[in-house]
């Protein structure tokens, strides 16, 4: 293994010193040279690890730490590999950001090459919402085939998604106050400070009922009641309104007799008046 590594480095140094960089065009070249080609089968891409932010986590801040590492992949025998570039893209910015970039891309052997890169960066001014970060790593390598030194690059990427939720949902009930209502149908209207994915309400501490906007609490029984409105935002955070206490006391209706009963009463009254009138006439005749 040691002899192979020494032979590789020696060949790389000779090719560099000679300054001859030939591209193979399908037939053997009698001169020592280097070219850019594909990596040999079995060569592994870089290994990326993102420690922060964590995938799928909600952060209640506009500042998130990006912590990552990139390691060269497992190389086959007689290959020399190193990390050439590490950069990332975020969906709220237009351009990529480089964390590491080795400019010695045409030098087969670089004494300052690294096989592992790690970094911690503060991401600031992140807009609220769901975001993704994609990290890229580019690996450079070389291997000997006959009298040729072949250089290659291989890369990989890793994407994580996270959410920043800075504004918590706030709910205000507008139409119901702490008082007595003389109706069993009471409008329930409310205001929410941000877009939400779900709205529910609880009447008298019972199970939550899903609604899609302002509505009416119907057929409420007489007595004391409470109502609370809940809102869940896109990050899954739930806000709720103040619990409103109110009373329903529907007045008893004025008694109304049926039409038939009124007719019977009228007949009785008329009959009574006629009877009294006849009695008066009889009395007058007897006296006369």
Protein backbone atom coordinates (compact mmCIF):
# COMPACT_ATOMS: atom_id res chain seq x y z
CA UNK A 1 0.00 0.00 0.00
CA UNK A 2 2.82 2.36 0.90
CA UNK A 3 4.71 1.55 -2.31
CA UNK A 4 1.53 2.21 -4.34
CA UNK A 5 1.02 5.61 -2.69
CA UNK A 6 4.66 6.55 -3.27
CA UNK A 7 4.40 5.53 -6.92
CA UNK A 8 1.23 7.58 -7.35
CA UNK A 9 2.72 10.70 -5.78
CA UNK A 10 5.92 10.30 -7.81
CA UNK A 11 3.94 9.99 -11.03
CA UNK A 12 1.85 13.01 -10.14
CA UNK A 13 4.92 15.11 -9.40
CA UNK A 14 6.58 14.06 -12.65
CA UNK A 15 3.47 14.94 -14.65
CA UNK A 16 3.19 18.29 -12.94
CA UNK A 17 6.85 19.14 -13.40
CA UNK A 18 6.75 18.19 -17.06
CA UNK A 19 3.72 20.36 -17.58
CA UNK A 20 2.22 17.90 -20.04
CA UNK A 21 -1.53 17.47 -19.83
CA UNK A 22 -2.82 15.23 -22.56
CA UNK A 23 -6.34 13.98 -23.07
CA UNK A 24 -6.70 10.41 -24.08
CA UNK A 25 -8.62 10.11 -27.33
CA UNK A 26 -9.26 6.36 -27.36
CA UNK A 27 -5.67 5.13 -27.95
CA UNK A 28 -2.51 4.83 -25.94
CA UNK A 29 -0.32 7.91 -25.57
CA UNK A 30 3.42 7.13 -25.36
CA UNK A 31 4.06 10.11 -23.08
CA UNK A 32 3.46 10.54 -19.39
CA UNK A 33 0.49 12.92 -19.04
CA UNK A 34 -2.66 13.77 -17.14
CA UNK A 35 -6.25 14.12 -18.22
CA UNK A 36 -9.70 14.73 -16.73
CA UNK A 37 -11.86 11.66 -16.82
CA UNK A 38 -14.53 9.80 -14.87
CA UNK A 39 -13.69 8.15 -11.57
CA UNK A 40 -13.13 4.40 -11.63
CA UNK A 41 -15.98 2.18 -10.57
CA UNK A 42 -16.20 1.82 -6.81
CA UNK A 43 -15.04 5.36 -6.06
CA UNK A 44 -17.41 6.84 -3.49
CA UNK A 45 -18.67 10.46 -3.45
CA UNK A 46 -18.03 12.76 -0.49
CA UNK A 47 -19.93 12.08 2.72
CA UNK A 48 -21.95 15.06 3.96
CA UNK A 49 -23.32 15.50 7.47
CA UNK A 50 -25.57 18.38 8.58
CA UNK A 51 -25.85 18.62 12.34
CA UNK A 52 -27.83 21.86 12.41
CA UNK A 53 -30.47 22.87 11.56
CA UNK A 54 -32.24 19.57 12.05
CA UNK A 55 -34.53 18.25 9.37
CA UNK A 56 -38.23 18.90 10.03
CA UNK A 57 -37.71 21.05 13.14
CA UNK A 58 -39.56 24.33 13.84
CA UNK A 59 -37.34 27.18 15.05
CA UNK A 60 -38.85 30.19 16.80
CA UNK A 61 -36.13 32.52 15.58
CA UNK A 62 -34.88 34.22 12.42
CA UNK A 63 -31.34 33.04 13.25
CA UNK A 64 -30.26 29.43 12.71
CA UNK A 65 -26.84 27.82 12.94
CA UNK A 66 -25.64 25.81 9.95
CA UNK A 67 -23.21 23.20 11.21
CA UNK A 68 -21.84 20.61 8.76
CA UNK A 69 -18.93 18.42 7.75
CA UNK A 70 -17.72 16.91 4.48
CA UNK A 71 -15.42 13.88 4.23
CA UNK A 72 -13.91 12.32 1.12
CA UNK A 73 -15.56 9.09 0.11
CA UNK A 74 -13.88 5.74 0.17
CA UNK A 75 -11.37 5.61 -2.67
CA UNK A 76 -10.22 2.54 -4.52
CA UNK A 77 -6.60 1.39 -4.48
CA UNK A 78 -4.00 3.69 -6.07
CA UNK A 79 -6.33 6.72 -5.93
CA UNK A 80 -5.68 10.07 -4.34
CA UNK A 81 -8.68 12.17 -3.23
CA UNK A 82 -9.31 15.48 -1.50
CA UNK A 83 -12.14 17.94 -0.78
CA UNK A 84 -12.19 20.72 -3.36
CA UNK A 85 -15.39 22.69 -2.69
CA UNK A 86 -18.10 22.93 -0.09
CA UNK A 87 -20.98 25.35 -0.59
CA UNK A 88 -24.70 25.70 0.11
CA UNK A 89 -27.89 27.18 -1.29
CA UNK A 90 -30.90 28.44 0.64
CA UNK A 91 -34.32 29.12 -0.84
CA UNK A 92 -34.52 32.69 0.45
CA UNK A 93 -31.32 33.80 -1.31
CA UNK A 94 -30.47 33.81 -5.00
CA UNK A 95 -26.82 32.73 -5.06
CA UNK A 96 -24.84 29.92 -3.51
CA UNK A 97 -22.46 30.58 -0.62
CA UNK A 98 -19.02 28.94 -0.61
CA UNK A 99 -17.64 27.71 2.68
CA UNK A 100 -14.48 26.19 1.20
CA UNK A 101 -12.91 26.39 -2.26
CA UNK A 102 -9.52 25.04 -3.32
CA UNK A 103 -8.30 26.91 -6.40
CA UNK A 104 -5.51 24.39 -7.20
CA UNK A 105 -7.84 22.39 -9.43
CA UNK A 106 -5.20 21.57 -12.11
CA UNK A 107 -2.45 20.49 -9.74
CA UNK A 108 -2.52 16.68 -9.37
CA UNK A 109 -0.71 16.69 -6.05
CA UNK A 110 -1.49 19.41 -3.52
CA UNK A 111 0.41 19.23 -0.20
CA UNK A 112 -2.23 21.46 1.40
CA UNK A 113 -5.20 19.35 0.34
CA UNK A 114 -7.70 18.29 2.96
CA UNK A 115 -9.80 15.16 3.24
CA UNK A 116 -12.23 16.55 5.79
CA UNK A 117 -13.91 19.95 6.08
CA UNK A 118 -16.17 21.16 8.90
CA UNK A 119 -17.85 24.51 9.41
CA UNK A 120 -20.30 26.37 11.63
CA UNK A 121 -22.08 29.38 10.14
CA UNK A 122 -24.84 31.63 11.45
CA UNK A 123 -27.73 32.09 9.03
CA UNK A 124 -29.51 35.37 9.75
CA UNK A 125 -32.61 37.28 8.65
CA UNK A 126 -34.46 34.11 7.68
CA UNK A 127 -38.04 34.84 6.59
CA UNK A 128 -40.85 33.15 8.45
CA UNK A 129 -42.08 29.94 6.88
CA UNK A 130 -40.88 26.61 5.57
CA UNK A 131 -37.36 26.54 4.08
CA UNK A 132 -34.75 24.20 2.71
CA UNK A 133 -30.95 24.21 2.68
CA UNK A 134 -28.95 22.16 0.19
CA UNK A 135 -25.25 21.58 0.90
CA UNK A 136 -22.88 20.51 -1.89
CA UNK A 137 -19.43 18.91 -1.65
CA UNK A 138 -17.04 18.39 -4.56
CA UNK A 139 -14.27 15.83 -4.29
CA UNK A 140 -11.20 15.80 -6.53
CA UNK A 141 -9.09 12.73 -7.15
CA UNK A 142 -6.49 11.09 -9.34
CA UNK A 143 -5.37 7.58 -10.21
CA UNK A 144 -2.66 5.97 -12.37
CA UNK A 145 -3.40 3.81 -15.38
CA UNK A 146 -0.28 2.71 -17.20
CA UNK A 147 1.80 5.82 -17.81
CA UNK A 148 -1.18 8.16 -17.38
CA UNK A 149 -2.42 10.06 -14.36
CA UNK A 150 -6.18 10.47 -14.59
CA UNK A 151 -7.84 13.26 -12.62
CA UNK A 152 -11.53 13.21 -11.79
CA UNK A 153 -14.13 14.94 -9.68
CA UNK A 154 -17.18 13.52 -7.96
CA UNK A 155 -19.75 15.38 -5.91
CA UNK A 156 -22.81 14.94 -3.73
CA UNK A 157 -25.52 17.05 -2.11
CA UNK A 158 -27.72 16.86 0.95
CA UNK A 159 -30.97 18.80 1.53
CA UNK A 160 -32.75 19.41 4.82
CA UNK A 161 -36.04 21.23 5.44
CA UNK A 162 -36.93 23.31 8.49
CA UNK A 163 -39.42 25.97 9.51
CA UNK A 164 -39.03 29.34 11.19
CA UNK A 165 -42.12 30.49 13.05
CA UNK A 166 -41.67 33.87 14.69
CA UNK A 167 -45.26 35.14 14.94
CA UNK A 168 -47.51 33.02 17.12
CA UNK A 169 -51.21 32.82 16.18
CA UNK A 170 -53.38 35.21 18.18
CA UNK A 171 -57.19 34.91 18.22
CA UNK A 172 -59.73 37.54 19.35
CA UNK A 173 -63.46 36.87 19.67
CA UNK A 174 -65.36 39.92 18.40
CA UNK A 175 -69.06 39.18 18.56
CA UNK A 176 -69.63 37.62 21.99
CA UNK A 177 -69.13 39.40 25.31
CA UNK A 178 -69.87 38.62 28.93
CA UNK A 179 -73.57 39.46 29.07
CA UNK A 180 -77.05 37.92 28.89
CA UNK A 181 -78.49 37.26 25.42
CA UNK A 182 -82.24 36.99 24.87
CA UNK A 183 -81.77 34.69 21.90
CA UNK A 184 -80.60 31.12 21.43
CA UNK A 185 -78.74 31.90 18.17
CA UNK A 186 -75.60 33.98 18.70
CA UNK A 187 -73.11 34.94 15.94
CA UNK A 188 -69.51 33.87 16.56
CA UNK A 189 -67.04 36.10 14.71
CA UNK A 190 -63.33 36.39 15.43
CA UNK A 191 -60.02 37.82 14.15
CA UNK A 192 -56.69 35.98 13.67
CA UNK A 193 -53.37 37.78 13.17
CA UNK A 194 -51.87 35.44 10.52
CA UNK A 195 -52.80 32.75 8.00
CA UNK A 196 -53.60 29.46 9.72
CA UNK A 197 -54.25 25.89 8.65
CA UNK A 198 -57.02 25.01 11.10
CA UNK A 199 -59.65 26.82 13.19
CA UNK A 200 -61.72 25.16 15.90
CA UNK A 201 -63.94 26.22 18.79
CA UNK A 202 -65.01 24.66 22.06
CA UNK A 203 -68.45 25.37 23.54
CA UNK A 204 -68.84 24.75 27.26
CA UNK A 205 -65.45 22.95 27.35
CA UNK A 206 -66.68 20.20 25.07
CA UNK A 207 -64.63 18.64 22.25
CA UNK A 208 -63.30 21.06 19.65
CA UNK A 209 -65.35 21.55 16.49
CA UNK A 210 -63.62 22.49 13.20
CA UNK A 211 -64.92 25.60 11.43
CA UNK A 212 -63.79 27.55 8.37
CA UNK A 213 -64.67 31.10 9.37
CA UNK A 214 -67.29 33.11 11.23
CA UNK A 215 -70.42 31.14 12.10
CA UNK A 216 -73.47 31.10 14.43
CA UNK A 217 -73.91 29.18 17.66
CA UNK A 218 -77.41 27.84 17.20
CA UNK A 219 -80.10 26.44 19.50
CA UNK A 220 -78.28 27.32 22.70
CA UNK A 221 -80.03 26.24 25.86
CA UNK A 222 -80.92 28.75 28.54
CA UNK A 223 -78.20 29.12 31.13
CA UNK A 224 -74.51 29.92 31.42
CA UNK A 225 -72.09 29.10 28.56
CA UNK A 226 -68.41 29.48 27.61
CA UNK A 227 -66.72 29.58 24.22
CA UNK A 228 -63.04 29.46 23.17
CA UNK A 229 -61.65 29.72 19.63
CA UNK A 230 -58.38 27.98 18.62
CA UNK A 231 -56.12 28.51 15.58
CA UNK A 232 -53.28 26.27 14.36
CA UNK A 233 -50.68 27.85 12.05
CA UNK A 234 -48.71 26.16 9.28
CA UNK A 235 -45.93 25.27 11.70
CA UNK A 236 -48.37 23.43 13.96
CA UNK A 237 -48.33 26.05 16.73
CA UNK A 238 -51.73 26.61 18.36
CA UNK A 239 -53.03 29.93 19.66
CA UNK A 240 -56.34 30.45 21.42
CA UNK A 241 -58.67 33.26 22.32
CA UNK A 242 -59.76 34.31 25.76
CA UNK A 243 -62.54 32.07 27.08
CA UNK A 244 -65.74 34.13 26.93
CA UNK A 245 -68.51 33.50 29.48
CA UNK A 246 -72.07 34.51 28.60
CA UNK A 247 -75.67 33.69 29.49
CA UNK A 248 -78.69 32.80 27.40
CA UNK A 249 -82.12 33.70 28.79
CA UNK A 250 -84.82 33.59 26.14
CA UNK A 251 -88.03 35.34 27.43
CA UNK A 252 -91.18 33.23 27.77
CA UNK A 253 -93.54 33.93 24.86
CA UNK A 254 -96.83 35.85 25.56
CA UNK A 255 -99.66 33.27 25.92
CA UNK A 256 -101.84 33.15 22.80
CA UNK A 257 -105.15 31.29 22.76
CA UNK A 258 -106.05 29.25 19.71
CA UNK A 259 -108.60 30.75 17.29
CA UNK A 260 -111.20 28.11 18.20
CA UNK A 261 -110.90 28.96 21.88
CA UNK A 262 -111.41 32.64 21.12
CA UNK A 263 -114.57 31.80 19.16
CA UNK A 264 -115.96 29.72 22.02
CA UNK A 265 -115.28 32.52 24.50
CA UNK A 266 -116.99 35.02 22.17
CA UNK A 267 -120.09 32.81 21.87
CA UNK A 268 -120.27 32.44 25.62
CA UNK A 269 -119.97 36.19 26.12
CA UNK A 270 -122.65 36.93 23.51
CA UNK A 271 -124.95 34.30 24.96
CA UNK A 272 -124.47 35.80 28.39
CA UNK A 273 -125.31 39.27 27.17
CA UNK A 274 -128.46 38.03 25.44
CA UNK A 275 -129.52 36.19 28.58
CA UNK A 276 -129.06 39.28 30.72
CA UNK A 277 -131.04 41.39 28.23
CA UNK A 278 -133.98 38.93 28.34
CA UNK A 279 -133.95 38.84 32.11
CA UNK A 280 -134.19 42.61 32.23
CA UNK A 281 -137.23 42.59 29.92
CA UNK A 282 -138.97 39.93 32.05
CA UNK A 283 -138.37 41.97 35.16
CA UNK A 284 -139.88 45.08 33.57
CA UNK A 285 -142.99 43.20 32.43
CA UNK A 286 -143.62 41.71 35.86
CA UNK A 287 -143.23 45.10 37.52
CA UNK A 288 -145.53 46.80 34.99
